[in-house]
Amino acid sequence: MRILVPAAAILALAGIQAATAQTTVIERRAPDTVVVDRPATESKTVETRESSDGCSTKTVTKTNDEGDRKTVSRERCD
């Protein structure tokens, strides 16, 4: 019984101390975002071919200002 009373007192003090803990809130203020619109310098070429068997092919070629080129072809048959 003698050990139970001091143990209960220690637990009660620990609970009181935990209840009085402070909370710190850190706010960060970032600078405003700047958006710069750049003119499109990408060239795009679309080529469509139709054959006599009812199939058509569409080819799209894109080239950006750095000279990178991408070509995509799609064939469709009815």
PDB file of N, CA and C in Angstrom:
ATOM      1  N   MET A   1       0.817  -1.186   0.000  1.00  0.00           N
ATOM      2  CA  MET A   1       0.000   0.000   0.000  1.00  0.00           C
ATOM      3  C   MET A   1       0.866   1.257   0.000  1.00  0.00           C
ATOM      4  N   ARG A   2       2.010   1.167   0.731  1.00  0.00           N
ATOM      5  CA  ARG A   2       2.891   2.333   0.792  1.00  0.00           C
ATOM      6  C   ARG A   2       3.478   2.647  -0.579  1.00  0.00           C
ATOM      7  N   ILE A   3       3.731   1.632  -1.401  1.00  0.00           N
ATOM      8  CA  ILE A   3       4.313   1.849  -2.726  1.00  0.00           C
ATOM      9  C   ILE A   3       3.249   2.356  -3.697  1.00  0.00           C
ATOM     10  N   LEU A   4       2.040   1.978  -3.520  1.00  0.00           N
ATOM     11  CA  LEU A   4       0.957   2.346  -4.422  1.00  0.00           C
ATOM     12  C   LEU A   4       0.653   3.842  -4.362  1.00  0.00           C
ATOM     13  N   VAL A   5       0.685   4.451  -3.179  1.00  0.00           N
ATOM     14  CA  VAL A   5       0.363   5.871  -3.039  1.00  0.00           C
ATOM     15  C   VAL A   5       1.414   6.746  -3.712  1.00  0.00           C
ATOM     16  N   PRO A   6       2.746   6.538  -3.489  1.00  0.00           N
ATOM     17  CA  PRO A   6       3.730   7.372  -4.187  1.00  0.00           C
ATOM     18  C   PRO A   6       3.712   7.142  -5.700  1.00  0.00           C
ATOM     19  N   ALA A   7       3.458   5.923  -6.152  1.00  0.00           N
ATOM     20  CA  ALA A   7       3.404   5.656  -7.585  1.00  0.00           C
ATOM     21  C   ALA A   7       2.229   6.391  -8.214  1.00  0.00           C
ATOM     22  N   ALA A   8       1.105   6.429  -7.544  1.00  0.00           N
ATOM     23  CA  ALA A   8      -0.062   7.150  -8.055  1.00  0.00           C
ATOM     24  C   ALA A   8       0.212   8.652  -8.087  1.00  0.00           C
ATOM     25  N   ALA A   9       0.940   9.157  -7.099  1.00  0.00           N
ATOM     26  CA  ALA A   9       1.268  10.579  -7.068  1.00  0.00           C
ATOM     27  C   ALA A   9       2.203  10.939  -8.210  1.00  0.00           C
ATOM     28  N   ILE A  10       3.182  10.079  -8.495  1.00  0.00           N
ATOM     29  CA  ILE A  10       4.120  10.329  -9.599  1.00  0.00           C
ATOM     30  C   ILE A  10       3.380  10.308 -10.930  1.00  0.00           C
ATOM     31  N   LEU A  11       2.489   9.361 -11.130  1.00  0.00           N
ATOM     32  CA  LEU A  11       1.716   9.301 -12.370  1.00  0.00           C
ATOM     33  C   LEU A  11       0.809  10.521 -12.523  1.00  0.00           C
ATOM     34  N   ALA A  12       0.242  10.998 -11.431  1.00  0.00           N
ATOM     35  CA  ALA A  12      -0.625  12.173 -11.490  1.00  0.00           C
ATOM     36  C   ALA A  12       0.183  13.407 -11.864  1.00  0.00           C
ATOM     37  N   LEU A  13       1.375  13.568 -11.312  1.00  0.00           N
ATOM     38  CA  LEU A  13       2.236  14.709 -11.650  1.00  0.00           C
ATOM     39  C   LEU A  13       2.682  14.644 -13.106  1.00  0.00           C
ATOM     40  N   ALA A  14       2.984  13.444 -13.611  1.00  0.00           N
ATOM     41  CA  ALA A  14       3.386  13.295 -15.003  1.00  0.00           C
ATOM     42  C   ALA A  14       2.233  13.664 -15.930  1.00  0.00           C
ATOM     43  N   GLY A  15       1.025  13.305 -15.560  1.00  0.00           N
ATOM     44  CA  GLY A  15      -0.141  13.653 -16.365  1.00  0.00           C
ATOM     45  C   GLY A  15      -0.396  15.149 -16.375  1.00  0.00           C
ATOM     46  N   ILE A  16      -0.182  15.809 -15.234  1.00  0.00           N
ATOM     47  CA  ILE A  16      -0.366  17.264 -15.162  1.00  0.00           C
ATOM     48  C   ILE A  16       0.680  17.968 -16.010  1.00  0.00           C
ATOM     49  N   GLN A  17       1.916  17.490 -15.944  1.00  0.00           N
ATOM     50  CA  GLN A  17       2.986  18.108 -16.713  1.00  0.00           C
ATOM     51  C   GLN A  17       2.734  17.928 -18.212  1.00  0.00           C
ATOM     52  N   ALA A  18       2.257  16.771 -18.638  1.00  0.00           N
ATOM     53  CA  ALA A  18       1.971  16.532 -20.049  1.00  0.00           C
ATOM     54  C   ALA A  18       0.812  17.401 -20.523  1.00  0.00           C
ATOM     55  N   ALA A  19      -0.136  17.665 -19.658  1.00  0.00           N
ATOM     56  CA  ALA A  19      -1.291  18.473 -20.040  1.00  0.00           C
ATOM     57  C   ALA A  19      -0.922  19.938 -20.206  1.00  0.00           C
ATOM     58  N   THR A  20       0.143  20.388 -19.561  1.00  0.00           N
ATOM     59  CA  THR A  20       0.533  21.800 -19.662  1.00  0.00           C
ATOM     60  C   THR A  20       1.613  22.018 -20.709  1.00  0.00           C
ATOM     61  N   ALA A  21       1.876  21.042 -21.559  1.00  0.00           N
ATOM     62  CA  ALA A  21       2.885  21.196 -22.601  1.00  0.00           C
ATOM     63  C   ALA A  21       2.445  22.267 -23.590  1.00  0.00           C
ATOM     64  N   GLN A  22       3.430  22.984 -24.124  1.00  0.00           N
ATOM     65  CA  GLN A  22       3.131  24.058 -25.063  1.00  0.00           C
ATOM     66  C   GLN A  22       3.244  23.547 -26.492  1.00  0.00           C
ATOM     67  N   THR A  23       2.469  24.151 -27.361  1.00  0.00           N
ATOM     68  CA  THR A  23       2.503  23.810 -28.776  1.00  0.00           C
ATOM     69  C   THR A  23       3.101  24.994 -29.530  1.00  0.00           C
ATOM     70  N   THR A  24       4.075  24.713 -30.382  1.00  0.00           N
ATOM     71  CA  THR A  24       4.717  25.753 -31.178  1.00  0.00           C
ATOM     72  C   THR A  24       4.254  25.615 -32.615  1.00  0.00           C
ATOM     73  N   VAL A  25       3.791  26.705 -33.196  1.00  0.00           N
ATOM     74  CA  VAL A  25       3.345  26.720 -34.578  1.00  0.00           C
ATOM     75  C   VAL A  25       4.338  27.557 -35.371  1.00  0.00           C
ATOM     76  N   ILE A  26       4.905  26.958 -36.417  1.00  0.00           N
ATOM     77  CA  ILE A  26       5.859  27.662 -37.268  1.00  0.00           C
ATOM     78  C   ILE A  26       5.175  27.975 -38.587  1.00  0.00           C
ATOM     79  N   GLU A  27       5.111  29.232 -38.924  1.00  0.00           N
ATOM     80  CA  GLU A  27       4.506  29.655 -40.184  1.00  0.00           C
ATOM     81  C   GLU A  27       5.606  30.088 -41.127  1.00  0.00           C
ATOM     82  N   ARG A  28       5.523  29.621 -42.354  1.00  0.00           N
ATOM     83  CA  ARG A  28       6.499  30.019 -43.358  1.00  0.00           C
ATOM     84  C   ARG A  28       5.795  30.882 -44.390  1.00  0.00           C
ATOM     85  N   ARG A  29       6.378  31.988 -44.670  1.00  0.00           N
ATOM     86  CA  ARG A  29       5.813  32.886 -45.677  1.00  0.00           C
ATOM     87  C   ARG A  29       6.708  32.865 -46.897  1.00  0.00           C
ATOM     88  N   ALA A  30       6.204  32.263 -47.953  1.00  0.00           N
ATOM     89  CA  ALA A  30       6.957  32.146 -49.195  1.00  0.00           C
ATOM     90  C   ALA A  30       6.678  33.377 -50.058  1.00  0.00           C
ATOM     91  N   PRO A  31       7.638  33.755 -50.874  1.00  0.00           N
ATOM     92  CA  PRO A  31       7.395  34.886 -51.770  1.00  0.00           C
ATOM     93  C   PRO A  31       6.327  34.530 -52.800  1.00  0.00           C
ATOM     94  N   ASP A  32       5.702  35.549 -53.361  1.00  0.00           N
ATOM     95  CA  ASP A  32       4.670  35.328 -54.370  1.00  0.00           C
ATOM     96  C   ASP A  32       5.276  34.620 -55.581  1.00  0.00           C
ATOM     97  N   THR A  33       4.480  33.768 -56.202  1.00  0.00           N
ATOM     98  CA  THR A  33       4.928  33.020 -57.372  1.00  0.00           C
ATOM     99  C   THR A  33       4.804  33.900 -58.606  1.00  0.00           C
ATOM    100  N   VAL A  34       5.845  33.879 -59.419  1.00  0.00           N
ATOM    101  CA  VAL A  34       5.856  34.667 -60.647  1.00  0.00           C
ATOM    102  C   VAL A  34       5.738  33.703 -61.824  1.00  0.00           C
ATOM    103  N   VAL A  35       4.758  33.936 -62.684  1.00  0.00           N
ATOM    104  CA  VAL A  35       4.544  33.104 -63.856  1.00  0.00           C
ATOM    105  C   VAL A  35       4.867  33.927 -65.086  1.00  0.00           C
ATOM    106  N   VAL A  36       5.775  33.398 -65.915  1.00  0.00           N
ATOM    107  CA  VAL A  36       6.175  34.101 -67.129  1.00  0.00           C
ATOM    108  C   VAL A  36       5.636  33.333 -68.312  1.00  0.00           C
ATOM    109  N   ASP A  37       4.806  33.978 -69.115  1.00  0.00           N
ATOM    110  CA  ASP A  37       4.283  33.346 -70.321  1.00  0.00           C
ATOM    111  C   ASP A  37       5.277  33.560 -71.447  1.00  0.00           C
ATOM    112  N   ARG A  38       5.699  32.458 -72.040  1.00  0.00           N
ATOM    113  CA  ARG A  38       6.624  32.542 -73.154  1.00  0.00           C
ATOM    114  C   ARG A  38       5.878  32.186 -74.430  1.00  0.00           C
ATOM    115  N   PRO A  39       6.199  32.821 -75.518  1.00  0.00           N
ATOM    116  CA  PRO A  39       5.521  32.481 -76.769  1.00  0.00           C
ATOM    117  C   PRO A  39       5.918  31.072 -77.220  1.00  0.00           C
ATOM    118  N   ALA A  40       4.976  30.405 -77.833  1.00  0.00           N
ATOM    119  CA  ALA A  40       5.230  29.050 -78.305  1.00  0.00           C
ATOM    120  C   ALA A  40       6.167  29.101 -79.505  1.00  0.00           C
ATOM    121  N   THR A  41       7.263  28.380 -79.408  1.00  0.00           N
ATOM    122  CA  THR A  41       8.221  28.339 -80.511  1.00  0.00           C
ATOM    123  C   THR A  41       8.282  26.943 -81.101  1.00  0.00           C
ATOM    124  N   GLU A  42       7.250  26.166 -80.865  1.00  0.00           N
ATOM    125  CA  GLU A  42       7.194  24.795 -81.352  1.00  0.00           C
ATOM    126  C   GLU A  42       6.514  24.774 -82.711  1.00  0.00           C
ATOM    127  N   SER A  43       7.135  24.075 -83.665  1.00  0.00           N
ATOM    128  CA  SER A  43       6.483  23.947 -84.964  1.00  0.00           C
ATOM    129  C   SER A  43       5.831  22.575 -85.048  1.00  0.00           C
ATOM    130  N   LYS A  44       4.709  22.517 -85.717  1.00  0.00           N
ATOM    131  CA  LYS A  44       3.925  21.292 -85.790  1.00  0.00           C
ATOM    132  C   LYS A  44       3.493  21.079 -87.240  1.00  0.00           C
ATOM    133  N   THR A  45       3.745  19.871 -87.747  1.00  0.00           N
ATOM    134  CA  THR A  45       3.372  19.525 -89.112  1.00  0.00           C
ATOM    135  C   THR A  45       2.445  18.321 -89.069  1.00  0.00           C
ATOM    136  N   VAL A  46       1.294  18.424 -89.726  1.00  0.00           N
ATOM    137  CA  VAL A  46       0.317  17.332 -89.768  1.00  0.00           C
ATOM    138  C   VAL A  46       0.167  16.907 -91.223  1.00  0.00           C
ATOM    139  N   GLU A  47       0.334  15.601 -91.465  1.00  0.00           N
ATOM    140  CA  GLU A  47       0.215  15.060 -92.820  1.00  0.00           C
ATOM    141  C   GLU A  47      -0.796  13.920 -92.792  1.00  0.00           C
ATOM    142  N   THR A  48      -1.774  13.970 -93.683  1.00  0.00           N
ATOM    143  CA  THR A  48      -2.805  12.937 -93.751  1.00  0.00           C
ATOM    144  C   THR A  48      -2.788  12.305 -95.137  1.00  0.00           C
ATOM    145  N   ARG A  49      -2.760  10.968 -95.160  1.00  0.00           N
ATOM    146  CA  ARG A  49      -2.777  10.243 -96.436  1.00  0.00           C
ATOM    147  C   ARG A  49      -3.909   9.225 -96.400  1.00  0.00           C
ATOM    148  N   GLU A  50      -4.607   9.112 -97.537  1.00  0.00           N
ATOM    149  CA  GLU A  50      -5.672   8.116 -97.660  1.00  0.00           C
ATOM    150  C   GLU A  50      -5.336   7.204 -98.834  1.00  0.00           C
ATOM    151  N   SER A  51      -5.506   5.917 -98.614  1.00  0.00           N
ATOM    152  CA  SER A  51      -5.219   4.961 -99.691  1.00  0.00           C
ATOM    153  C   SER A  51      -6.529   4.430-100.284  1.00  0.00           C
ATOM    154  N   SER A  52      -6.414   3.703-101.377  1.00  0.00           N
ATOM    155  CA  SER A  52      -7.608   3.216-102.074  1.00  0.00           C
ATOM    156  C   SER A  52      -8.276   2.051-101.333  1.00  0.00           C
ATOM    157  N   ASP A  53      -7.590   1.406-100.398  1.00  0.00           N
ATOM    158  CA  ASP A  53      -8.193   0.277 -99.681  1.00  0.00           C
ATOM    159  C   ASP A  53      -8.992   0.718 -98.454  1.00  0.00           C
ATOM    160  N   GLY A  54      -9.184   2.008 -98.237  1.00  0.00           N
ATOM    161  CA  GLY A  54     -10.013   2.512 -97.144  1.00  0.00           C
ATOM    162  C   GLY A  54      -9.239   2.860 -95.880  1.00  0.00           C
ATOM    163  N   CYS A  55      -7.911   2.760 -95.925  1.00  0.00           N
ATOM    164  CA  CYS A  55      -7.094   3.111 -94.762  1.00  0.00           C
ATOM    165  C   CYS A  55      -6.569   4.537 -94.899  1.00  0.00           C
ATOM    166  N   SER A  56      -6.437   5.187 -93.755  1.00  0.00           N
ATOM    167  CA  SER A  56      -5.857   6.530 -93.761  1.00  0.00           C
ATOM    168  C   SER A  56      -4.752   6.585 -92.702  1.00  0.00           C
ATOM    169  N   THR A  57      -3.719   7.337 -93.003  1.00  0.00           N
ATOM    170  CA  THR A  57      -2.577   7.482 -92.104  1.00  0.00           C
ATOM    171  C   THR A  57      -2.411   8.956 -91.774  1.00  0.00           C
ATOM    172  N   LYS A  58      -2.292   9.248 -90.495  1.00  0.00           N
ATOM    173  CA  LYS A  58      -2.078  10.620 -90.039  1.00  0.00           C
ATOM    174  C   LYS A  58      -0.735  10.661 -89.333  1.00  0.00           C
ATOM    175  N   THR A  59       0.144  11.555 -89.759  1.00  0.00           N
ATOM    176  CA  THR A  59       1.474  11.694 -89.177  1.00  0.00           C
ATOM    177  C   THR A  59       1.625  13.103 -88.637  1.00  0.00           C
ATOM    178  N   VAL A  60       2.003  13.218 -87.368  1.00  0.00           N
ATOM    179  CA  VAL A  60       2.212  14.517 -86.730  1.00  0.00           C
ATOM    180  C   VAL A  60       3.673  14.601 -86.314  1.00  0.00           C
ATOM    181  N   THR A  61       4.355  15.664 -86.752  1.00  0.00           N
ATOM    182  CA  THR A  61       5.751  15.892 -86.402  1.00  0.00           C
ATOM    183  C   THR A  61       5.850  17.211 -85.659  1.00  0.00           C
ATOM    184  N   LYS A  62       6.460  17.184 -84.463  1.00  0.00           N
ATOM    185  CA  LYS A  62       6.652  18.387 -83.661  1.00  0.00           C
ATOM    186  C   LYS A  62       8.138  18.625 -83.475  1.00  0.00           C
ATOM    187  N   THR A  63       8.560  19.887 -83.618  1.00  0.00           N
ATOM    188  CA  THR A  63       9.948  20.274 -83.399  1.00  0.00           C
ATOM    189  C   THR A  63       9.950  21.475 -82.458  1.00  0.00           C
ATOM    190  N   ASN A  64      10.715  21.373 -81.356  1.00  0.00           N
ATOM    191  CA  ASN A  64      10.767  22.499 -80.424  1.00  0.00           C
ATOM    192  C   ASN A  64      11.935  23.422 -80.771  1.00  0.00           C
ATOM    193  N   ASP A  65      12.107  24.487 -79.993  1.00  0.00           N
ATOM    194  CA  ASP A  65      13.128  25.491 -80.290  1.00  0.00           C
ATOM    195  C   ASP A  65      14.552  24.976 -80.077  1.00  0.00           C
ATOM    196  N   GLU A  66      14.713  23.848 -79.395  1.00  0.00           N
ATOM    197  CA  GLU A  66      16.034  23.265 -79.196  1.00  0.00           C
ATOM    198  C   GLU A  66      16.398  22.290 -80.309  1.00  0.00           C
ATOM    199  N   GLY A  67      15.494  22.055 -81.226  1.00  0.00           N
ATOM    200  CA  GLY A  67      15.751  21.171 -82.348  1.00  0.00           C
ATOM    201  C   GLY A  67      15.338  19.731 -82.114  1.00  0.00           C
ATOM    202  N   ASP A  68      14.730  19.441 -80.981  1.00  0.00           N
ATOM    203  CA  ASP A  68      14.254  18.083 -80.709  1.00  0.00           C
ATOM    204  C   ASP A  68      13.013  17.819 -81.547  1.00  0.00           C
ATOM    205  N   ARG A  69      12.958  16.635 -82.171  1.00  0.00           N
ATOM    206  CA  ARG A  69      11.854  16.304 -83.061  1.00  0.00           C
ATOM    207  C   ARG A  69      11.176  15.022 -82.590  1.00  0.00           C
ATOM    208  N   LYS A  70       9.846  15.022 -82.651  1.00  0.00           N
ATOM    209  CA  LYS A  70       9.052  13.849 -82.286  1.00  0.00           C
ATOM    210  C   LYS A  70       8.001  13.636 -83.359  1.00  0.00           C
ATOM    211  N   THR A  71       7.928  12.386 -83.856  1.00  0.00           N
ATOM    212  CA  THR A  71       6.964  12.045 -84.904  1.00  0.00           C
ATOM    213  C   THR A  71       6.068  10.911 -84.415  1.00  0.00           C
ATOM    214  N   VAL A  72       4.771  11.079 -84.591  1.00  0.00           N
ATOM    215  CA  VAL A  72       3.783  10.076 -84.212  1.00  0.00           C
ATOM    216  C   VAL A  72       2.890   9.799 -85.409  1.00  0.00           C
ATOM    217  N   SER A  73       2.712   8.498 -85.709  1.00  0.00           N
ATOM    218  CA  SER A  73       1.866   8.092 -86.847  1.00  0.00           C
ATOM    219  C   SER A  73       0.732   7.232 -86.340  1.00  0.00           C
ATOM    220  N   ARG A  74      -0.429   7.413 -86.949  1.00  0.00           N
ATOM    221  CA  ARG A  74      -1.596   6.607 -86.589  1.00  0.00           C
ATOM    222  C   ARG A  74      -2.268   6.163 -87.895  1.00  0.00           C
ATOM    223  N   GLU A  75      -2.527   4.859 -87.973  1.00  0.00           N
ATOM    224  CA  GLU A  75      -3.193   4.305 -89.150  1.00  0.00           C
ATOM    225  C   GLU A  75      -4.565   3.824 -88.762  1.00  0.00           C
ATOM    226  N   ARG A  76      -5.544   4.153 -89.575  1.00  0.00           N
ATOM    227  CA  ARG A  76      -6.923   3.796 -89.286  1.00  0.00           C
ATOM    228  C   ARG A  76      -7.547   3.184 -90.544  1.00  0.00           C
ATOM    229  N   CYS A  77      -8.091   1.982 -90.367  1.00  0.00           N
ATOM    230  CA  CYS A  77      -8.739   1.305 -91.496  1.00  0.00           C
ATOM    231  C   CYS A  77     -10.207   1.069 -91.143  1.00  0.00           C
ATOM    232  N   ASP A  78     -11.094   1.431 -92.042  1.00  0.00           N
ATOM    233  CA  ASP A  78     -12.526   1.249 -91.830  1.00  0.00           C
ATOM    234  C   ASP A  78     -13.020  -0.076 -92.337  1.00  0.00           C
TER     235      ASP A  78
END
